Amino acid sequence: MERNDGFLSASCRYFLLVAEAGSVRAAARQANTAPSAISRQVGLLETSLGITLFERIGRSLCLSPAGEELRRALAASTLLHEEVLDHLNALRGLKSGHVRIATVESISNALLPRLLEDFTSSYPGIQIQVSVAGSDAVTELVRENIADVGLTFNPTSFARLGVAHVQDLPVGAVVSPGHALARQSTVSLRDCLQHPLAWPARGLSLRTLLDTIVRRQKLNIKPAVECNSLRVMAGLARRGVCIAFQTTIGIEQDLDDGTLRFIPLGDRPLPPDRMMLVHRPGLTSESAAAAFLNHATGLLPRLVPVPRKRTRRAE
């Protein structure tokens, strides 16, 4: 997607490209220009400012403290420029504009594409930029004005964030249709310990929820696989290798096709996995980002699948 920073000087644009790509060569590929041109422009910027903007770590370039300050300042300038454009777009009936969305992996599988399908049919001229990150990284992207809105689970901090929608989802065991537990209506974590487990890695919000049960019941978890990707763990469950744990978000198609079964965990206390739609404060009602926020708030309660209750338990 084309960057909306054409009002910046060439040196500033190339500086931002290198900051995002992590190297001059990668930035040059994105800009379809020679690496020497990138290096020259960044060098001119450092010379004019009289300070080093990047530090080399191995083969990668990382922002120096001064470089990070400049990135933040340019992001703020870009944001102001975009808000002016959004106001102008509003005068034309919101026929153009752009929205920057940050989301966690599970929401990116099916839920966000369904949201975007509906939104873009109503606003075909608006461009969308999507970034996939971890739960707290999503909120940080919104907080730093790198994203306008974020879809995440259980953020640890709401500082400088607006909250547009909250939805609590049950956590369950996810198994293949042929698994020994597949016909049960509910299971406990202790039940699941009798089988190989795919366990969420630290850093996933789901791990924090499951650790609540582990500590309370003093369970000894020895997973066959520990992973930071819900998609990978669902794939293992689909093949019958392990039991995975998550909400129904991200496995909607598998549940419809019958290739996975979702069994709610009956352990108490087990807080729900809380899905949240957050946004940066100060969105104007005429902006493309606000249009997406309003659209998503209306659609999410209808799009999020509710696990079907099963009353039959395995004998």
Protein backbone atom coordinates (compact mmCIF):
# COMPACT_ATOMS: atom_id res chain seq x y z
CA MET A 1 0.00 0.00 0.00
CA GLU A 2 1.27 3.46 -0.90
CA ARG A 3 2.52 5.49 2.03
CA ASN A 4 0.63 8.70 2.73
CA ASP A 5 3.72 10.77 3.55
CA GLY A 6 4.29 12.54 0.27
CA PHE A 7 4.40 15.89 2.05
CA LEU A 8 7.66 14.82 3.76
CA SER A 9 11.07 15.47 2.26
CA ALA A 10 12.83 12.62 0.45
CA SER A 11 15.35 12.23 3.28
CA CYS A 12 12.57 11.89 5.86
CA ARG A 13 10.64 9.41 3.73
CA TYR A 14 13.73 7.26 3.24
CA PHE A 15 14.57 7.52 6.92
CA LEU A 16 11.11 6.12 7.77
CA LEU A 17 11.51 3.34 5.21
CA VAL A 18 14.82 2.24 6.71
CA ALA A 19 13.37 2.46 10.23
CA GLU A 20 10.51 0.14 9.23
CA ALA A 21 12.50 -2.25 7.01
CA GLY A 22 15.51 -2.58 9.32
CA SER A 23 18.11 -2.22 6.56
CA VAL A 24 19.00 0.00 3.63
CA ARG A 25 18.68 -2.86 1.13
CA ALA A 26 15.22 -3.82 2.31
CA ALA A 27 14.14 -0.17 2.18
CA ALA A 28 15.56 0.15 -1.33
CA ARG A 29 13.53 -2.86 -2.49
CA GLN A 30 10.34 -1.31 -1.09
CA ALA A 31 11.08 2.05 -2.70
CA ASN A 32 12.26 0.44 -5.95
CA THR A 33 15.39 2.56 -5.90
CA ALA A 34 19.13 2.07 -5.46
CA PRO A 35 20.50 1.41 -1.95
CA SER A 36 23.05 4.17 -2.54
CA ALA A 37 20.25 6.70 -2.99
CA ILE A 38 18.71 5.63 0.31
CA SER A 39 22.04 5.83 2.13
CA ARG A 40 22.79 9.24 0.65
CA GLN A 41 19.46 10.73 1.73
CA VAL A 42 19.72 9.31 5.27
CA GLY A 43 23.30 10.58 5.49
CA LEU A 44 22.19 14.05 4.41
CA LEU A 45 19.50 14.00 7.09
CA GLU A 46 22.00 12.98 9.80
CA THR A 47 24.40 15.68 8.65
CA SER A 48 21.74 18.38 8.66
CA LEU A 49 20.61 17.37 12.16
CA GLY A 50 24.13 16.80 13.43
CA ILE A 51 23.24 13.49 15.09
CA THR A 52 23.32 9.75 14.43
CA LEU A 53 19.88 8.28 13.68
CA PHE A 54 20.76 4.58 13.37
CA GLU A 55 22.91 2.07 15.21
CA ARG A 56 24.14 -1.07 13.46
CA ILE A 57 23.44 -4.38 15.26
CA GLY A 58 24.76 -7.28 13.23
CA ARG A 59 23.37 -6.85 9.73
CA SER A 60 20.39 -4.78 10.89
CA LEU A 61 19.99 -1.09 11.55
CA CYS A 62 18.20 -0.04 14.72
CA LEU A 63 17.05 3.43 15.64
CA SER A 64 19.23 5.40 18.01
CA PRO A 65 17.44 7.31 20.80
CA ALA A 66 17.51 10.38 18.57
CA GLY A 67 16.22 8.34 15.65
CA GLU A 68 13.32 7.09 17.73
CA GLU A 69 12.44 10.67 18.71
CA LEU A 70 12.49 11.70 15.06
CA ARG A 71 10.31 8.73 14.07
CA ARG A 72 7.73 9.73 16.68
CA ALA A 73 7.77 13.34 15.52
CA LEU A 74 7.36 12.38 11.86
CA ALA A 75 4.54 9.97 12.79
CA ALA A 76 2.77 12.84 14.56
CA SER A 77 3.28 15.11 11.55
CA THR A 78 1.94 12.43 9.22
CA LEU A 79 -1.05 11.93 11.49
CA LEU A 80 -1.86 15.67 11.41
CA HIS A 81 -1.54 15.67 7.63
CA GLU A 82 -3.88 12.65 7.39
CA GLU A 83 -6.47 14.31 9.62
CA VAL A 84 -6.52 17.35 7.35
CA LEU A 85 -7.02 15.07 4.35
CA ASP A 86 -9.81 13.26 6.20
CA HIS A 87 -11.60 16.57 6.76
CA LEU A 88 -11.27 17.33 3.06
CA ASN A 89 -12.53 13.85 2.21
CA ALA A 90 -15.55 14.44 4.44
CA LEU A 91 -16.44 17.44 2.31
CA ARG A 92 -16.45 15.08 -0.69
CA GLY A 93 -18.69 12.55 1.08
CA LEU A 94 -15.88 10.30 2.42
CA LYS A 95 -15.11 8.87 -1.01
CA SER A 96 -11.44 8.46 -0.15
CA GLY A 97 -9.14 8.26 2.84
CA HIS A 98 -7.30 5.51 4.67
CA VAL A 99 -7.51 3.49 7.88
CA ARG A 100 -4.60 1.85 9.71
CA ILE A 101 -5.69 -1.26 11.60
CA ALA A 102 -3.61 -3.31 14.05
CA THR A 103 -4.89 -6.77 14.94
CA VAL A 104 -3.89 -9.98 16.69
CA GLU A 105 -3.36 -13.10 14.60
CA SER A 106 -6.56 -14.96 15.44
CA ILE A 107 -8.80 -12.02 14.46
CA SER A 108 -6.89 -11.64 11.19
CA ASN A 109 -7.85 -15.16 10.03
CA ALA A 110 -11.55 -14.67 9.32
CA LEU A 111 -13.19 -12.02 11.48
CA LEU A 112 -11.24 -9.02 10.19
CA PRO A 113 -11.57 -10.07 6.51
CA ARG A 114 -15.35 -10.28 7.00
CA LEU A 115 -15.36 -6.83 8.60
CA LEU A 116 -13.29 -5.41 5.76
CA GLU A 117 -15.43 -7.07 3.10
CA ASP A 118 -18.51 -5.33 4.44
CA PHE A 119 -16.74 -2.03 5.09
CA THR A 120 -15.09 -1.73 1.69
CA SER A 121 -18.38 -2.44 -0.06
CA SER A 122 -19.80 0.62 1.70
CA TYR A 123 -16.63 2.76 1.33
CA PRO A 124 -14.87 1.49 -1.81
CA GLY A 125 -12.55 4.49 -2.04
CA ILE A 126 -10.98 4.10 1.40
CA GLN A 127 -7.60 2.36 1.61
CA ILE A 128 -6.87 -0.09 4.41
CA GLN A 129 -3.50 -0.86 6.01
CA VAL A 130 -3.38 -3.90 8.31
CA SER A 131 -0.60 -4.83 10.75
CA VAL A 132 -0.63 -8.16 12.64
CA ALA A 133 1.02 -8.16 16.06
CA GLY A 134 0.76 -9.53 19.59
CA SER A 135 -1.94 -8.39 22.00
CA ASP A 136 0.03 -5.67 23.80
CA ALA A 137 1.89 -4.72 20.61
CA VAL A 138 -1.48 -3.91 19.01
CA THR A 139 -2.34 -1.42 21.75
CA GLU A 140 1.15 0.07 21.54
CA LEU A 141 0.76 0.64 17.78
CA VAL A 142 -2.49 2.51 18.45
CA ARG A 143 -0.98 4.43 21.37
CA GLU A 144 1.96 5.54 19.21
CA ASN A 145 -0.38 6.69 16.40
CA ILE A 146 1.06 4.07 14.06
CA ALA A 147 -2.44 2.54 13.87
CA ASP A 148 -5.83 4.23 14.15
CA VAL A 149 -7.75 1.28 15.58
CA GLY A 150 -6.79 -2.04 17.12
CA LEU A 151 -8.46 -5.43 17.58
CA THR A 152 -6.94 -7.32 20.48
CA PHE A 153 -7.50 -9.51 23.53
CA ASN A 154 -6.98 -8.60 27.20
CA PRO A 155 -4.66 -5.60 26.83
CA THR A 156 -2.62 -4.96 29.97
CA SER A 157 -2.89 -1.18 29.68
CA PHE A 158 -5.55 1.22 28.43
CA ALA A 159 -3.42 4.35 28.79
CA ARG A 160 -4.15 6.86 26.00
CA LEU A 161 -6.66 4.51 24.36
CA GLY A 162 -10.35 4.75 23.62
CA VAL A 163 -12.46 1.59 23.86
CA ALA A 164 -15.29 1.21 21.33
CA HIS A 165 -16.36 -2.41 21.85
CA VAL A 166 -15.84 -5.19 24.39
CA GLN A 167 -16.93 -8.80 23.98
CA ASP A 168 -16.24 -11.68 26.37
CA LEU A 169 -15.58 -15.07 24.77
CA PRO A 170 -15.30 -18.45 26.47
CA VAL A 171 -11.99 -20.32 26.31
CA GLY A 172 -12.13 -23.96 25.32
CA ALA A 173 -10.18 -27.03 24.31
CA VAL A 174 -9.89 -27.47 20.55
CA VAL A 175 -9.66 -31.05 19.27
CA SER A 176 -10.09 -33.07 16.10
CA PRO A 177 -13.46 -34.79 15.55
CA GLY A 178 -11.89 -38.18 16.29
CA HIS A 179 -10.30 -37.16 19.58
CA ALA A 180 -11.28 -39.03 22.75
CA LEU A 181 -12.74 -35.83 24.24
CA ALA A 182 -14.50 -34.61 21.10
CA ARG A 183 -18.05 -35.60 22.13
CA GLN A 184 -17.96 -33.99 25.58
CA SER A 185 -19.97 -30.84 26.22
CA THR A 186 -17.37 -29.45 28.63
CA VAL A 187 -13.94 -30.46 29.89
CA SER A 188 -11.57 -29.48 32.66
CA LEU A 189 -7.92 -28.68 32.21
CA ARG A 190 -7.15 -31.71 34.37
CA ASP A 191 -9.06 -33.88 31.84
CA CYS A 192 -6.92 -32.47 29.07
CA LEU A 193 -3.67 -33.32 30.89
CA GLN A 194 -4.28 -36.97 30.04
CA HIS A 195 -3.52 -36.13 26.41
CA PRO A 196 -0.71 -34.32 24.53
CA LEU A 197 -1.13 -30.54 24.75
CA ALA A 198 -0.23 -27.58 22.55
CA TRP A 199 0.34 -24.83 25.11
CA PRO A 200 0.32 -21.09 24.39
CA ALA A 201 3.69 -19.43 24.94
CA ARG A 202 4.26 -16.61 27.43
CA GLY A 203 3.31 -13.30 25.89
CA LEU A 204 -0.03 -14.55 24.58
CA SER A 205 -3.00 -13.23 26.55
CA LEU A 206 -4.46 -16.74 26.51
CA ARG A 207 -1.47 -18.06 28.47
CA THR A 208 -2.23 -15.62 31.29
CA LEU A 209 -5.80 -16.89 31.53
CA LEU A 210 -4.80 -20.56 31.56
CA ASP A 211 -2.09 -19.93 34.14
CA THR A 212 -4.87 -18.82 36.50
CA ILE A 213 -6.18 -22.40 36.55
CA VAL A 214 -2.72 -23.94 36.68
CA ARG A 215 -1.76 -21.98 39.79
CA ARG A 216 -5.07 -22.49 41.59
CA GLN A 217 -5.21 -26.24 40.97
CA LYS A 218 -1.43 -26.69 41.29
CA LEU A 219 -1.29 -28.53 37.98
CA ASN A 220 1.92 -29.70 36.38
CA ILE A 221 1.83 -28.74 32.71
CA LYS A 222 4.24 -30.60 30.42
CA PRO A 223 3.07 -29.70 26.90
CA ALA A 224 4.12 -31.63 23.84
CA VAL A 225 4.39 -28.30 22.03
CA GLU A 226 4.67 -24.72 23.30
CA CYS A 227 3.93 -22.13 20.65
CA ASN A 228 3.22 -18.40 20.21
CA SER A 229 0.92 -18.97 17.20
CA LEU A 230 -2.72 -19.95 17.66
CA ARG A 231 -2.84 -20.87 13.98
CA VAL A 232 -0.08 -23.45 14.39
CA MET A 233 -1.68 -24.91 17.52
CA ALA A 234 -5.06 -25.19 15.80
CA GLY A 235 -3.30 -26.97 12.92
CA LEU A 236 -1.84 -29.50 15.35
CA ALA A 237 -5.27 -30.06 16.88
CA ARG A 238 -6.81 -30.49 13.42
CA ARG A 239 -4.33 -33.31 12.73
CA GLY A 240 -5.08 -34.97 16.03
CA VAL A 241 -1.57 -34.37 17.35
CA CYS A 242 -2.50 -32.27 20.39
CA ILE A 243 -5.26 -30.51 22.25
CA ALA A 244 -5.10 -26.75 21.66
CA PHE A 245 -6.72 -23.96 23.69
CA GLN A 246 -8.38 -20.80 22.43
CA THR A 247 -11.70 -19.10 21.72
CA THR A 248 -13.69 -19.74 18.56
CA ILE A 249 -12.05 -16.71 16.93
CA GLY A 250 -9.66 -17.84 14.21
CA ILE A 251 -11.14 -21.32 13.74
CA GLU A 252 -14.56 -20.30 12.40
CA GLN A 253 -14.20 -22.20 9.11
CA ASP A 254 -12.94 -25.35 10.85
CA LEU A 255 -15.95 -25.32 13.17
CA ASP A 256 -18.32 -24.86 10.24
CA ASP A 257 -16.61 -27.65 8.28
CA GLY A 258 -16.45 -29.98 11.28
CA THR A 259 -12.66 -30.37 11.10
CA LEU A 260 -12.30 -29.06 14.66
CA ARG A 261 -14.43 -29.27 17.79
CA PHE A 262 -14.55 -26.55 20.44
CA ILE A 263 -15.24 -27.76 24.01
CA PRO A 264 -15.64 -25.03 26.67
CA LEU A 265 -13.39 -25.34 29.70
CA GLY A 266 -15.48 -25.82 32.83
CA ASP A 267 -12.75 -24.86 35.32
CA ARG A 268 -13.52 -22.09 37.78
CA PRO A 269 -12.45 -19.43 38.18
CA LEU A 270 -11.61 -18.96 34.52
CA PRO A 271 -12.05 -15.40 33.27
CA PRO A 272 -13.26 -15.05 29.67
CA ASP A 273 -10.98 -14.00 26.88
CA ARG A 274 -11.95 -10.36 26.37
CA MET A 275 -11.92 -9.14 22.78
CA MET A 276 -11.63 -5.37 22.48
CA LEU A 277 -11.82 -2.80 19.73
CA VAL A 278 -9.64 0.15 20.73
CA HIS A 279 -8.76 3.40 19.02
CA ARG A 280 -6.58 6.42 19.40
CA PRO A 281 -8.34 9.34 21.11
CA GLY A 282 -9.36 12.33 19.08
CA LEU A 283 -10.70 10.60 15.98
CA THR A 284 -12.91 13.11 14.18
CA SER A 285 -16.38 11.91 13.29
CA GLU A 286 -15.73 12.75 9.63
CA SER A 287 -12.58 10.63 9.34
CA ALA A 288 -12.21 7.32 7.51
CA ALA A 289 -10.95 5.73 10.75
CA ALA A 290 -14.09 6.83 12.60
CA ALA A 291 -16.23 5.42 9.80
CA PHE A 292 -14.51 2.05 10.19
CA LEU A 293 -14.84 2.21 13.97
CA ASN A 294 -18.58 2.82 13.77
CA HIS A 295 -18.99 0.13 11.12
CA ALA A 296 -17.05 -2.46 13.15
CA THR A 297 -18.88 -1.63 16.38
CA GLY A 298 -22.19 -2.37 14.71
CA LEU A 299 -21.06 -5.57 13.01
CA LEU A 300 -18.91 -7.30 15.61
CA PRO A 301 -21.75 -8.56 17.84
CA ARG A 302 -23.29 -10.26 14.79
CA LEU A 303 -20.08 -11.61 13.28
CA VAL A 304 -18.44 -13.15 16.34
CA PRO A 305 -19.46 -16.83 16.48
CA VAL A 306 -21.08 -18.21 19.61
CA PRO A 307 -20.12 -21.82 20.43
CA ARG A 308 -23.02 -24.19 19.92
CA LYS A 309 -23.97 -25.98 23.11
CA ARG A 310 -23.80 -29.76 23.09
CA THR A 311 -25.56 -31.66 25.83
CA ARG A 312 -24.31 -35.12 25.04
CA ARG A 313 -21.25 -36.34 26.91
CA ALA A 314 -19.01 -39.25 26.07
CA GLU A 315 -19.88 -42.41 27.94
